[in-house]
Amino acid sequence: MKTTEKIANAKKRIDELERLIKYWNDSEHCNAKIVNFPIKIDNKVS
């Protein structure tokens, strides 16, 4: 792998980490919403 490829890959990883950090920071400021879904459990014996 050439140096230019390593630099390009590192930039991609940095961009991804920056997006994740922004997402996490935004999610801390939003109110959490809880959705209750009915759960149907069937006991089946074969």
Protein backbone atom coordinates (compact mmCIF):
# COMPACT_ATOMS: atom_id res chain seq x y z
CA MET A 1 0.00 0.00 0.00
CA LYS A 2 1.39 3.35 -1.02
CA THR A 3 1.65 6.36 1.23
CA THR A 4 -1.05 8.21 -0.70
CA GLU A 5 -3.44 5.27 -0.20
CA LYS A 6 -2.68 5.22 3.53
CA ILE A 7 -3.38 8.95 3.77
CA ALA A 8 -6.65 8.59 1.85
CA ASN A 9 -7.78 5.74 4.12
CA ALA A 10 -6.84 7.74 7.22
CA LYS A 11 -8.88 10.72 5.98
CA LYS A 12 -11.88 8.45 5.42
CA ARG A 13 -11.61 7.10 8.96
CA ILE A 14 -11.27 10.60 10.40
CA ASP A 15 -14.35 11.78 8.48
CA GLU A 16 -16.33 8.79 9.74
CA LEU A 17 -15.26 9.42 13.34
CA GLU A 18 -16.20 13.10 13.05
CA ARG A 19 -19.67 12.12 11.77
CA LEU A 20 -20.09 9.68 14.68
CA ILE A 21 -19.02 12.30 17.23
CA LYS A 22 -21.49 14.80 15.76
CA TYR A 23 -24.26 12.18 15.83
CA TRP A 24 -23.52 11.29 19.47
CA ASN A 25 -23.43 14.95 20.51
CA ASP A 26 -26.74 15.61 18.73
CA SER A 27 -28.38 12.56 20.30
CA GLU A 28 -27.42 13.76 23.81
CA HIS A 29 -29.37 16.97 23.27
CA CYS A 30 -32.51 15.29 21.93
CA ASN A 31 -35.14 13.89 24.22
CA ALA A 32 -35.28 10.14 24.22
CA LYS A 33 -38.52 8.72 22.88
CA ILE A 34 -39.74 5.38 24.13
CA VAL A 35 -42.07 3.41 21.94
CA ASN A 36 -43.95 0.52 23.50
CA PHE A 37 -44.85 -2.20 21.05
CA PRO A 38 -47.20 -4.98 22.08
CA ILE A 39 -45.39 -8.28 22.28
CA LYS A 40 -47.17 -11.49 21.47
CA ILE A 41 -45.47 -14.61 22.75
CA ASP A 42 -46.68 -17.94 21.49
CA ASN A 43 -45.70 -21.06 23.34
CA LYS A 44 -45.55 -23.76 20.74
CA VAL A 45 -44.55 -27.32 21.38
CA SER A 46 -43.71 -29.56 18.47
